[in-house]
Amino acid sequence: MIPEPLTKVGHGLFGFVSTLSVLVHPILPALSAILFVLYELDESFHLCDEAYDEIREFLYGFAAGLVVLLAREVVL
């Protein structure tokens, strides 16, 4: 089993990378967010764990990616 702090970092990192994937194609962030939420809700249903904390961690990374993209636009 993966240690909990590592999974928190992984969820945030996936959110961050998902946001940056807009540089490849505009649909990728929405697609990865939908797939992540569906996966977490399915996992929550089958394992009876709290998916909302993991979705929140994903959204923290997603927001951090947005900040980086916005800062990039301001600088350019």
C-alpha atoms as a PDB file:
ATOM      1  CA  MET A   1       0.000   0.000   0.000  1.00  0.00           C
ATOM      2  CA  ILE A   2       1.222   3.501  -0.854  1.00  0.00           C
ATOM      3  CA  PRO A   3       1.812   5.819   2.147  1.00  0.00           C
ATOM      4  CA  GLU A   4      -0.889   8.471   2.555  1.00  0.00           C
ATOM      5  CA  PRO A   5       1.366  11.558   2.187  1.00  0.00           C
ATOM      6  CA  LEU A   6       2.603  10.177  -1.125  1.00  0.00           C
ATOM      7  CA  THR A   7      -0.941   9.712  -2.434  1.00  0.00           C
ATOM      8  CA  LYS A   8      -1.802  13.290  -1.440  1.00  0.00           C
ATOM      9  CA  VAL A   9       1.168  14.547  -3.435  1.00  0.00           C
ATOM     10  CA  GLY A  10       0.207  12.276  -6.323  1.00  0.00           C
ATOM     11  CA  HIS A  11      -3.348  13.622  -6.480  1.00  0.00           C
ATOM     12  CA  GLY A  12      -2.084  17.199  -6.427  1.00  0.00           C
ATOM     13  CA  LEU A  13       0.571  16.483  -9.019  1.00  0.00           C
ATOM     14  CA  PHE A  14      -1.975  14.850 -11.317  1.00  0.00           C
ATOM     15  CA  GLY A  15      -4.199  17.933 -10.983  1.00  0.00           C
ATOM     16  CA  PHE A  16      -1.253  20.184 -11.774  1.00  0.00           C
ATOM     17  CA  VAL A  17      -0.236  18.181 -14.842  1.00  0.00           C
ATOM     18  CA  SER A  18      -3.867  17.966 -15.937  1.00  0.00           C
ATOM     19  CA  THR A  19      -4.072  21.741 -16.014  1.00  0.00           C
ATOM     20  CA  LEU A  20      -0.837  22.069 -17.962  1.00  0.00           C
ATOM     21  CA  SER A  21      -2.122  19.574 -20.516  1.00  0.00           C
ATOM     22  CA  VAL A  22      -4.154  22.452 -21.986  1.00  0.00           C
ATOM     23  CA  LEU A  23      -0.928  23.382 -23.743  1.00  0.00           C
ATOM     24  CA  VAL A  24      -1.216  20.127 -25.717  1.00  0.00           C
ATOM     25  CA  HIS A  25      -4.976  20.203 -26.412  1.00  0.00           C
ATOM     26  CA  PRO A  26      -7.806  22.270 -24.877  1.00  0.00           C
ATOM     27  CA  ILE A  27     -10.011  19.270 -24.055  1.00  0.00           C
ATOM     28  CA  LEU A  28      -7.410  17.368 -22.006  1.00  0.00           C
ATOM     29  CA  PRO A  29      -7.849  19.173 -18.636  1.00  0.00           C
ATOM     30  CA  ALA A  30     -11.615  18.655 -18.662  1.00  0.00           C
ATOM     31  CA  LEU A  31     -11.256  15.050 -19.770  1.00  0.00           C
ATOM     32  CA  SER A  32      -8.682  14.212 -17.108  1.00  0.00           C
ATOM     33  CA  ALA A  33     -10.754  15.955 -14.397  1.00  0.00           C
ATOM     34  CA  ILE A  34     -13.887  14.025 -15.361  1.00  0.00           C
ATOM     35  CA  LEU A  35     -12.012  10.726 -15.457  1.00  0.00           C
ATOM     36  CA  PHE A  36     -10.357  11.420 -12.096  1.00  0.00           C
ATOM     37  CA  VAL A  37     -13.658  12.277 -10.404  1.00  0.00           C
ATOM     38  CA  LEU A  38     -15.360   9.205 -11.880  1.00  0.00           C
ATOM     39  CA  TYR A  39     -12.483   6.998 -10.722  1.00  0.00           C
ATOM     40  CA  GLU A  40     -12.556   8.433  -7.194  1.00  0.00           C
ATOM     41  CA  LEU A  41     -16.331   8.124  -6.888  1.00  0.00           C
ATOM     42  CA  ASP A  42     -16.158   4.520  -8.095  1.00  0.00           C
ATOM     43  CA  GLU A  43     -13.366   3.790  -5.624  1.00  0.00           C
ATOM     44  CA  SER A  44     -15.382   5.431  -2.862  1.00  0.00           C
ATOM     45  CA  PHE A  45     -18.411   3.330  -3.734  1.00  0.00           C
ATOM     46  CA  HIS A  46     -16.487   0.035  -3.709  1.00  0.00           C
ATOM     47  CA  LEU A  47     -14.040   0.713  -0.865  1.00  0.00           C
ATOM     48  CA  CYS A  48     -16.248   3.020   1.209  1.00  0.00           C
ATOM     49  CA  ASP A  49     -13.520   5.623   1.571  1.00  0.00           C
ATOM     50  CA  GLU A  50     -13.878   9.374   1.320  1.00  0.00           C
ATOM     51  CA  ALA A  51     -13.309  10.398  -2.286  1.00  0.00           C
ATOM     52  CA  TYR A  52     -13.968  14.035  -1.503  1.00  0.00           C
ATOM     53  CA  ASP A  53     -10.611  14.543   0.207  1.00  0.00           C
ATOM     54  CA  GLU A  54      -8.807  13.075  -2.787  1.00  0.00           C
ATOM     55  CA  ILE A  55     -10.831  15.193  -5.215  1.00  0.00           C
ATOM     56  CA  ARG A  56      -9.972  18.259  -3.124  1.00  0.00           C
ATOM     57  CA  GLU A  57      -6.251  17.373  -3.368  1.00  0.00           C
ATOM     58  CA  PHE A  58      -6.632  17.064  -7.145  1.00  0.00           C
ATOM     59  CA  LEU A  59      -8.313  20.485  -7.255  1.00  0.00           C
ATOM     60  CA  TYR A  60      -5.467  22.050  -5.235  1.00  0.00           C
ATOM     61  CA  GLY A  61      -3.043  20.858  -7.906  1.00  0.00           C
ATOM     62  CA  PHE A  62      -5.430  21.966 -10.647  1.00  0.00           C
ATOM     63  CA  ALA A  63      -5.587  25.456  -9.114  1.00  0.00           C
ATOM     64  CA  ALA A  64      -1.803  25.602  -8.799  1.00  0.00           C
ATOM     65  CA  GLY A  65      -1.546  24.763 -12.492  1.00  0.00           C
ATOM     66  CA  LEU A  66      -3.976  27.561 -13.311  1.00  0.00           C
ATOM     67  CA  VAL A  67      -1.846  30.000 -11.324  1.00  0.00           C
ATOM     68  CA  VAL A  68       1.224  28.927 -13.307  1.00  0.00           C
ATOM     69  CA  LEU A  69      -0.612  29.321 -16.620  1.00  0.00           C
ATOM     70  CA  LEU A  70      -1.967  32.736 -15.643  1.00  0.00           C
ATOM     71  CA  ALA A  71       1.474  33.901 -14.482  1.00  0.00           C
ATOM     72  CA  ARG A  72       2.890  32.666 -17.764  1.00  0.00           C
ATOM     73  CA  GLU A  73       0.360  34.770 -19.690  1.00  0.00           C
ATOM     74  CA  VAL A  74       1.082  37.860 -17.619  1.00  0.00           C
ATOM     75  CA  VAL A  75       4.842  37.544 -18.147  1.00  0.00           C
ATOM     76  CA  LEU A  76       4.507  36.925 -21.869  1.00  0.00           C
END
